[in-house]
Amino acid sequence: MKDLDNLNKFLDKEKHPFEKGDVEEKIEKINSDNFTDFLKKNQLKPTHQRFVLAELLFDGKNKHFTAEDLYEKVKLKKNKISLA
């Protein structure tokens, strides 16, 4: 029952900041410059691995994937990254 309460809190309109379509719109606006700014604002280093993943995540194609799918795609590009 506690898990259901937590899910309901998450799904509560006032607690969920995005409307349908907001995420897709924000993703379309991502490029290397504002991705670097995003990382810096969140105190994250703009590493090569993060940019490789960002390129795969924000390539403009609407797709579903798992962490393992991304890992395999990165390996195909001959980039080193961990699954952690």
PDB file of N, CA and C in Angstrom:
ATOM      1  N   MET A   1       0.820  -1.201   0.000  1.00  0.00           N
ATOM      2  CA  MET A   1       0.000   0.000   0.000  1.00  0.00           C
ATOM      3  C   MET A   1       0.861   1.260   0.000  1.00  0.00           C
ATOM      4  N   LYS A   2       1.977   1.204   0.702  1.00  0.00           N
ATOM      5  CA  LYS A   2       2.865   2.363   0.759  1.00  0.00           C
ATOM      6  C   LYS A   2       3.408   2.704  -0.627  1.00  0.00           C
ATOM      7  N   ASP A   3       3.749   1.666  -1.420  1.00  0.00           N
ATOM      8  CA  ASP A   3       4.243   1.896  -2.773  1.00  0.00           C
ATOM      9  C   ASP A   3       3.192   2.593  -3.628  1.00  0.00           C
ATOM     10  N   LEU A   4       1.948   2.209  -3.476  1.00  0.00           N
ATOM     11  CA  LEU A   4       0.865   2.833  -4.227  1.00  0.00           C
ATOM     12  C   LEU A   4       0.713   4.296  -3.830  1.00  0.00           C
ATOM     13  N   ASP A   5       0.824   4.598  -2.552  1.00  0.00           N
ATOM     14  CA  ASP A   5       0.757   5.986  -2.090  1.00  0.00           C
ATOM     15  C   ASP A   5       1.894   6.807  -2.682  1.00  0.00           C
ATOM     16  N   ASN A   6       3.090   6.231  -2.703  1.00  0.00           N
ATOM     17  CA  ASN A   6       4.237   6.936  -3.279  1.00  0.00           C
ATOM     18  C   ASN A   6       4.039   7.194  -4.765  1.00  0.00           C
ATOM     19  N   LEU A   7       3.498   6.213  -5.477  1.00  0.00           N
ATOM     20  CA  LEU A   7       3.225   6.381  -6.896  1.00  0.00           C
ATOM     21  C   LEU A   7       2.196   7.481  -7.111  1.00  0.00           C
ATOM     22  N   ASN A   8       1.145   7.490  -6.317  1.00  0.00           N
ATOM     23  CA  ASN A   8       0.123   8.531  -6.444  1.00  0.00           C
ATOM     24  C   ASN A   8       0.693   9.916  -6.172  1.00  0.00           C
ATOM     25  N   LYS A   9       1.587  10.024  -5.201  1.00  0.00           N
ATOM     26  CA  LYS A   9       2.228  11.317  -4.928  1.00  0.00           C
ATOM     27  C   LYS A   9       3.047  11.766  -6.128  1.00  0.00           C
ATOM     28  N   PHE A  10       3.776  10.824  -6.747  1.00  0.00           N
ATOM     29  CA  PHE A  10       4.587  11.156  -7.907  1.00  0.00           C
ATOM     30  C   PHE A  10       3.724  11.613  -9.075  1.00  0.00           C
ATOM     31  N   LEU A  11       2.605  10.951  -9.249  1.00  0.00           N
ATOM     32  CA  LEU A  11       1.738  11.260 -10.375  1.00  0.00           C
ATOM     33  C   LEU A  11       0.839  12.465 -10.131  1.00  0.00           C
ATOM     34  N   ASP A  12       0.805  12.939  -8.912  1.00  0.00           N
ATOM     35  CA  ASP A  12      -0.004  14.104  -8.573  1.00  0.00           C
ATOM     36  C   ASP A  12       0.394  15.276  -9.471  1.00  0.00           C
ATOM     37  N   LYS A  13      -0.572  15.892 -10.104  1.00  0.00           N
ATOM     38  CA  LYS A  13      -0.340  16.960 -11.070  1.00  0.00           C
ATOM     39  C   LYS A  13       0.529  18.081 -10.506  1.00  0.00           C
ATOM     40  N   GLU A  14       0.286  18.472  -9.273  1.00  0.00           N
ATOM     41  CA  GLU A  14       1.050  19.571  -8.691  1.00  0.00           C
ATOM     42  C   GLU A  14       2.494  19.175  -8.426  1.00  0.00           C
ATOM     43  N   LYS A  15       2.756  17.909  -8.220  1.00  0.00           N
ATOM     44  CA  LYS A  15       4.106  17.456  -7.923  1.00  0.00           C
ATOM     45  C   LYS A  15       4.881  17.087  -9.188  1.00  0.00           C
ATOM     46  N   HIS A  16       4.185  16.867 -10.298  1.00  0.00           N
ATOM     47  CA  HIS A  16       4.840  16.492 -11.544  1.00  0.00           C
ATOM     48  C   HIS A  16       4.971  17.741 -12.413  1.00  0.00           C
ATOM     49  N   PRO A  17       6.199  18.195 -12.680  1.00  0.00           N
ATOM     50  CA  PRO A  17       6.402  19.492 -13.327  1.00  0.00           C
ATOM     51  C   PRO A  17       6.129  19.539 -14.823  1.00  0.00           C
ATOM     52  N   PHE A  18       5.961  18.413 -15.502  1.00  0.00           N
ATOM     53  CA  PHE A  18       5.839  18.437 -16.951  1.00  0.00           C
ATOM     54  C   PHE A  18       4.440  18.087 -17.426  1.00  0.00           C
ATOM     55  N   GLU A  19       4.008  18.766 -18.450  1.00  0.00           N
ATOM     56  CA  GLU A  19       2.785  18.423 -19.162  1.00  0.00           C
ATOM     57  C   GLU A  19       3.173  17.505 -20.317  1.00  0.00           C
ATOM     58  N   LYS A  20       2.206  16.829 -20.890  1.00  0.00           N
ATOM     59  CA  LYS A  20       2.481  15.968 -22.039  1.00  0.00           C
ATOM     60  C   LYS A  20       3.081  16.811 -23.166  1.00  0.00           C
ATOM     61  N   GLY A  21       4.167  16.347 -23.721  1.00  0.00           N
ATOM     62  CA  GLY A  21       4.824  17.071 -24.807  1.00  0.00           C
ATOM     63  C   GLY A  21       5.967  17.956 -24.354  1.00  0.00           C
ATOM     64  N   ASP A  22       5.994  18.356 -23.091  1.00  0.00           N
ATOM     65  CA  ASP A  22       7.059  19.229 -22.600  1.00  0.00           C
ATOM     66  C   ASP A  22       8.427  18.582 -22.730  1.00  0.00           C
ATOM     67  N   VAL A  23       8.527  17.330 -22.368  1.00  0.00           N
ATOM     68  CA  VAL A  23       9.817  16.641 -22.401  1.00  0.00           C
ATOM     69  C   VAL A  23      10.322  16.554 -23.834  1.00  0.00           C
ATOM     70  N   GLU A  24       9.463  16.170 -24.768  1.00  0.00           N
ATOM     71  CA  GLU A  24       9.865  16.061 -26.165  1.00  0.00           C
ATOM     72  C   GLU A  24      10.351  17.405 -26.694  1.00  0.00           C
ATOM     73  N   GLU A  25       9.650  18.475 -26.328  1.00  0.00           N
ATOM     74  CA  GLU A  25      10.040  19.810 -26.772  1.00  0.00           C
ATOM     75  C   GLU A  25      11.413  20.189 -26.222  1.00  0.00           C
ATOM     76  N   LYS A  26      11.659  19.892 -24.957  1.00  0.00           N
ATOM     77  CA  LYS A  26      12.953  20.205 -24.353  1.00  0.00           C
ATOM     78  C   LYS A  26      14.069  19.387 -24.989  1.00  0.00           C
ATOM     79  N   ILE A  27      13.803  18.131 -25.297  1.00  0.00           N
ATOM     80  CA  ILE A  27      14.815  17.272 -25.912  1.00  0.00           C
ATOM     81  C   ILE A  27      15.211  17.797 -27.283  1.00  0.00           C
ATOM     82  N   GLU A  28      14.255  18.277 -28.057  1.00  0.00           N
ATOM     83  CA  GLU A  28      14.549  18.793 -29.389  1.00  0.00           C
ATOM     84  C   GLU A  28      15.486  19.991 -29.340  1.00  0.00           C
ATOM     85  N   LYS A  29      15.475  20.740 -28.255  1.00  0.00           N
ATOM     86  CA  LYS A  29      16.292  21.949 -28.133  1.00  0.00           C
ATOM     87  C   LYS A  29      17.711  21.673 -27.641  1.00  0.00           C
ATOM     88  N   ILE A  30      18.003  20.426 -27.295  1.00  0.00           N
ATOM     89  CA  ILE A  30      19.316  20.112 -26.740  1.00  0.00           C
ATOM     90  C   ILE A  30      20.359  20.064 -27.850  1.00  0.00           C
ATOM     91  N   ASN A  31      21.457  20.763 -27.623  1.00  0.00           N
ATOM     92  CA  ASN A  31      22.619  20.666 -28.497  1.00  0.00           C
ATOM     93  C   ASN A  31      23.858  20.644 -27.614  1.00  0.00           C
ATOM     94  N   SER A  32      25.023  20.554 -28.198  1.00  0.00           N
ATOM     95  CA  SER A  32      26.229  20.387 -27.382  1.00  0.00           C
ATOM     96  C   SER A  32      26.488  21.588 -26.478  1.00  0.00           C
ATOM     97  N   ASP A  33      26.153  22.802 -26.938  1.00  0.00           N
ATOM     98  CA  ASP A  33      26.390  23.987 -26.107  1.00  0.00           C
ATOM     99  C   ASP A  33      25.504  23.996 -24.874  1.00  0.00           C
ATOM    100  N   ASN A  34      24.195  23.818 -25.052  1.00  0.00           N
ATOM    101  CA  ASN A  34      23.341  23.876 -23.869  1.00  0.00           C
ATOM    102  C   ASN A  34      23.436  22.607 -23.031  1.00  0.00           C
ATOM    103  N   PHE A  35      23.913  21.501 -23.609  1.00  0.00           N
ATOM    104  CA  PHE A  35      24.162  20.305 -22.807  1.00  0.00           C
ATOM    105  C   PHE A  35      25.347  20.561 -21.883  1.00  0.00           C
ATOM    106  N   THR A  36      26.373  21.227 -22.395  1.00  0.00           N
ATOM    107  CA  THR A  36      27.519  21.601 -21.556  1.00  0.00           C
ATOM    108  C   THR A  36      27.063  22.512 -20.429  1.00  0.00           C
ATOM    109  N   ASP A  37      26.235  23.496 -20.747  1.00  0.00           N
ATOM    110  CA  ASP A  37      25.703  24.401 -19.713  1.00  0.00           C
ATOM    111  C   ASP A  37      24.903  23.629 -18.674  1.00  0.00           C
ATOM    112  N   PHE A  38      24.067  22.703 -19.129  1.00  0.00           N
ATOM    113  CA  PHE A  38      23.271  21.883 -18.215  1.00  0.00           C
ATOM    114  C   PHE A  38      24.175  21.115 -17.255  1.00  0.00           C
ATOM    115  N   LEU A  39      25.207  20.489 -17.791  1.00  0.00           N
ATOM    116  CA  LEU A  39      26.127  19.723 -16.947  1.00  0.00           C
ATOM    117  C   LEU A  39      26.794  20.622 -15.912  1.00  0.00           C
ATOM    118  N   LYS A  40      27.281  21.769 -16.363  1.00  0.00           N
ATOM    119  CA  LYS A  40      27.972  22.680 -15.443  1.00  0.00           C
ATOM    120  C   LYS A  40      27.034  23.199 -14.361  1.00  0.00           C
ATOM    121  N   LYS A  41      25.809  23.536 -14.725  1.00  0.00           N
ATOM    122  CA  LYS A  41      24.834  24.022 -13.740  1.00  0.00           C
ATOM    123  C   LYS A  41      24.522  22.966 -12.690  1.00  0.00           C
ATOM    124  N   ASN A  42      24.641  21.701 -13.075  1.00  0.00           N
ATOM    125  CA  ASN A  42      24.363  20.598 -12.158  1.00  0.00           C
ATOM    126  C   ASN A  42      25.638  20.001 -11.573  1.00  0.00           C
ATOM    127  N   GLN A  43      26.714  20.766 -11.684  1.00  0.00           N
ATOM    128  CA  GLN A  43      28.018  20.409 -11.115  1.00  0.00           C
ATOM    129  C   GLN A  43      28.506  19.047 -11.598  1.00  0.00           C
ATOM    130  N   LEU A  44      28.330  18.798 -12.885  1.00  0.00           N
ATOM    131  CA  LEU A  44      28.806  17.566 -13.516  1.00  0.00           C
ATOM    132  C   LEU A  44      29.860  17.923 -14.560  1.00  0.00           C
ATOM    133  N   LYS A  45      30.866  17.106 -14.680  1.00  0.00           N
ATOM    134  CA  LYS A  45      31.918  17.347 -15.660  1.00  0.00           C
ATOM    135  C   LYS A  45      31.415  16.984 -17.058  1.00  0.00           C
ATOM    136  N   PRO A  46      31.723  17.821 -18.048  1.00  0.00           N
ATOM    137  CA  PRO A  46      31.331  17.504 -19.426  1.00  0.00           C
ATOM    138  C   PRO A  46      32.307  16.496 -20.039  1.00  0.00           C
ATOM    139  N   THR A  47      32.133  15.222 -19.713  1.00  0.00           N
ATOM    140  CA  THR A  47      33.051  14.175 -20.167  1.00  0.00           C
ATOM    141  C   THR A  47      32.675  13.661 -21.555  1.00  0.00           C
ATOM    142  N   HIS A  48      33.644  13.034 -22.185  1.00  0.00           N
ATOM    143  CA  HIS A  48      33.414  12.436 -23.502  1.00  0.00           C
ATOM    144  C   HIS A  48      32.285  11.407 -23.439  1.00  0.00           C
ATOM    145  N   GLN A  49      32.276  10.604 -22.385  1.00  0.00           N
ATOM    146  CA  GLN A  49      31.248   9.572 -22.243  1.00  0.00           C
ATOM    147  C   GLN A  49      29.853  10.182 -22.167  1.00  0.00           C
ATOM    148  N   ARG A  50      29.714  11.289 -21.452  1.00  0.00           N
ATOM    149  CA  ARG A  50      28.395  11.938 -21.347  1.00  0.00           C
ATOM    150  C   ARG A  50      27.936  12.462 -22.704  1.00  0.00           C
ATOM    151  N   PHE A  51      28.877  12.988 -23.499  1.00  0.00           N
ATOM    152  CA  PHE A  51      28.502  13.492 -24.817  1.00  0.00           C
ATOM    153  C   PHE A  51      28.153  12.359 -25.782  1.00  0.00           C
ATOM    154  N   VAL A  52      28.835  11.229 -25.659  1.00  0.00           N
ATOM    155  CA  VAL A  52      28.494  10.067 -26.488  1.00  0.00           C
ATOM    156  C   VAL A  52      27.072   9.612 -26.171  1.00  0.00           C
ATOM    157  N   LEU A  53      26.758   9.519 -24.887  1.00  0.00           N
ATOM    158  CA  LEU A  53      25.398   9.121 -24.490  1.00  0.00           C
ATOM    159  C   LEU A  53      24.369  10.159 -24.917  1.00  0.00           C
ATOM    160  N   ALA A  54      24.682  11.437 -24.752  1.00  0.00           N
ATOM    161  CA  ALA A  54      23.750  12.496 -25.148  1.00  0.00           C
ATOM    162  C   ALA A  54      23.459  12.427 -26.639  1.00  0.00           C
ATOM    163  N   GLU A  55      24.485  12.149 -27.426  1.00  0.00           N
ATOM    164  CA  GLU A  55      24.295  12.033 -28.871  1.00  0.00           C
ATOM    165  C   GLU A  55      23.302  10.921 -29.203  1.00  0.00           C
ATOM    166  N   LEU A  56      23.418   9.806 -28.504  1.00  0.00           N
ATOM    167  CA  LEU A  56      22.488   8.692 -28.731  1.00  0.00           C
ATOM    168  C   LEU A  56      21.089   8.996 -28.201  1.00  0.00           C
ATOM    169  N   LEU A  57      21.022   9.641 -27.046  1.00  0.00           N
ATOM    170  CA  LEU A  57      19.728   9.911 -26.417  1.00  0.00           C
ATOM    171  C   LEU A  57      18.933  10.991 -27.136  1.00  0.00           C
ATOM    172  N   PHE A  58      19.630  12.014 -27.635  1.00  0.00           N
ATOM    173  CA  PHE A  58      18.949  13.193 -28.168  1.00  0.00           C
ATOM    174  C   PHE A  58      19.151  13.349 -29.668  1.00  0.00           C
ATOM    175  N   ASP A  59      19.187  12.242 -30.396  1.00  0.00           N
ATOM    176  CA  ASP A  59      19.429  12.322 -31.833  1.00  0.00           C
ATOM    177  C   ASP A  59      18.170  12.677 -32.623  1.00  0.00           C
ATOM    178  N   GLY A  60      17.077  12.929 -31.940  1.00  0.00           N
ATOM    179  CA  GLY A  60      15.848  13.348 -32.602  1.00  0.00           C
ATOM    180  C   GLY A  60      14.952  12.204 -33.047  1.00  0.00           C
ATOM    181  N   LYS A  61      15.402  10.979 -32.843  1.00  0.00           N
ATOM    182  CA  LYS A  61      14.584   9.823 -33.209  1.00  0.00           C
ATOM    183  C   LYS A  61      13.780   9.392 -31.995  1.00  0.00           C
ATOM    184  N   ASN A  62      12.518   9.147 -32.207  1.00  0.00           N
ATOM    185  CA  ASN A  62      11.642   8.723 -31.122  1.00  0.00           C
ATOM    186  C   ASN A  62      11.792   7.220 -30.951  1.00  0.00           C
ATOM    187  N   LYS A  63      12.392   6.798 -29.833  1.00  0.00           N
ATOM    188  CA  LYS A  63      12.640   5.376 -29.648  1.00  0.00           C
ATOM    189  C   LYS A  63      12.614   5.012 -28.174  1.00  0.00           C
ATOM    190  N   HIS A  64      12.471   3.734 -27.927  1.00  0.00           N
ATOM    191  CA  HIS A  64      12.521   3.203 -26.568  1.00  0.00           C
ATOM    192  C   HIS A  64      13.759   2.335 -26.465  1.00  0.00           C
ATOM    193  N   PHE A  65      14.419   2.379 -25.315  1.00  0.00           N
ATOM    194  CA  PHE A  65      15.645   1.617 -25.145  1.00  0.00           C
ATOM    195  C   PHE A  65      15.888   1.367 -23.668  1.00  0.00           C
ATOM    196  N   THR A  66      16.789   0.444 -23.414  1.00  0.00           N
ATOM    197  CA  THR A  66      17.213   0.161 -22.044  1.00  0.00           C
ATOM    198  C   THR A  66      18.647   0.647 -21.884  1.00  0.00           C
ATOM    199  N   ALA A  67      19.128   0.642 -20.662  1.00  0.00           N
ATOM    200  CA  ALA A  67      20.527   1.001 -20.412  1.00  0.00           C
ATOM    201  C   ALA A  67      21.447   0.048 -21.169  1.00  0.00           C
ATOM    202  N   GLU A  68      21.058  -1.211 -21.227  1.00  0.00           N
ATOM    203  CA  GLU A  68      21.859  -2.202 -21.943  1.00  0.00           C
ATOM    204  C   GLU A  68      21.897  -1.908 -23.442  1.00  0.00           C
ATOM    205  N   ASP A  69      20.772  -1.450 -24.007  1.00  0.00           N
ATOM    206  CA  ASP A  69      20.742  -1.070 -25.423  1.00  0.00           C
ATOM    207  C   ASP A  69      21.734   0.056 -25.696  1.00  0.00           C
ATOM    208  N   LEU A  70      21.717   1.074 -24.846  1.00  0.00           N
ATOM    209  CA  LEU A  70      22.649   2.195 -25.010  1.00  0.00           C
ATOM    210  C   LEU A  70      24.093   1.724 -24.891  1.00  0.00           C
ATOM    211  N   TYR A  71      24.344   0.872 -23.918  1.00  0.00           N
ATOM    212  CA  TYR A  71      25.690   0.341 -23.700  1.00  0.00           C
ATOM    213  C   TYR A  71      26.194  -0.374 -24.955  1.00  0.00           C
ATOM    214  N   GLU A  72      25.348  -1.188 -25.557  1.00  0.00           N
ATOM    215  CA  GLU A  72      25.744  -1.917 -26.766  1.00  0.00           C
ATOM    216  C   GLU A  72      26.013  -0.961 -27.926  1.00  0.00           C
ATOM    217  N   LYS A  73      25.196   0.078 -28.065  1.00  0.00           N
ATOM    218  CA  LYS A  73      25.410   1.057 -29.137  1.00  0.00           C
ATOM    219  C   LYS A  73      26.718   1.810 -28.939  1.00  0.00           C
ATOM    220  N   VAL A  74      27.037   2.141 -27.700  1.00  0.00           N
ATOM    221  CA  VAL A  74      28.296   2.830 -27.402  1.00  0.00           C
ATOM    222  C   VAL A  74      29.469   1.912 -27.745  1.00  0.00           C
ATOM    223  N   LYS A  75      29.363   0.645 -27.391  1.00  0.00           N
ATOM    224  CA  LYS A  75      30.431  -0.313 -27.703  1.00  0.00           C
ATOM    225  C   LYS A  75      30.631  -0.441 -29.213  1.00  0.00           C
ATOM    226  N   LEU A  76      29.548  -0.413 -29.976  1.00  0.00           N
ATOM    227  CA  LEU A  76      29.654  -0.502 -31.434  1.00  0.00           C
ATOM    228  C   LEU A  76      30.415   0.683 -32.019  1.00  0.00           C
ATOM    229  N   LYS A  77      30.322   1.830 -31.347  1.00  0.00           N
ATOM    230  CA  LYS A  77      31.036   3.022 -31.805  1.00  0.00           C
ATOM    231  C   LYS A  77      32.483   3.043 -31.317  1.00  0.00           C
ATOM    232  N   LYS A  78      32.905   1.965 -30.682  1.00  0.00           N
ATOM    233  CA  LYS A  78      34.278   1.815 -30.173  1.00  0.00           C
ATOM    234  C   LYS A  78      34.613   2.825 -29.082  1.00  0.00           C
ATOM    235  N   ASN A  79      33.626   3.196 -28.289  1.00  0.00           N
ATOM    236  CA  ASN A  79      33.842   4.080 -27.142  1.00  0.00           C
ATOM    237  C   ASN A  79      33.839   3.251 -25.870  1.00  0.00           C
ATOM    238  N   LYS A  80      34.618   3.688 -24.909  1.00  0.00           N
ATOM    239  CA  LYS A  80      34.670   2.982 -23.627  1.00  0.00           C
ATOM    240  C   LYS A  80      33.721   3.652 -22.646  1.00  0.00           C
ATOM    241  N   ILE A  81      32.883   2.826 -22.035  1.00  0.00           N
ATOM    242  CA  ILE A  81      31.926   3.328 -21.046  1.00  0.00           C
ATOM    243  C   ILE A  81      31.515   2.145 -20.170  1.00  0.00           C
ATOM    244  N   SER A  82      31.167   2.434 -18.933  1.00  0.00           N
ATOM    245  CA  SER A  82      30.722   1.346 -18.058  1.00  0.00           C
ATOM    246  C   SER A  82      29.204   1.343 -17.987  1.00  0.00           C
ATOM    247  N   LEU A  83      28.657   0.238 -17.559  1.00  0.00           N
ATOM    248  CA  LEU A  83      27.206   0.099 -17.446  1.00  0.00           C
ATOM    249  C   LEU A  83      26.703   0.566 -16.087  1.00  0.00           C
ATOM    250  N   ALA A  84      27.584   1.066 -15.252  1.00  0.00           N
ATOM    251  CA  ALA A  84      27.217   1.498 -13.892  1.00  0.00           C
ATOM    252  C   ALA A  84      26.224   2.630 -13.901  1.00  0.00           C
TER     253      ALA A  84
END
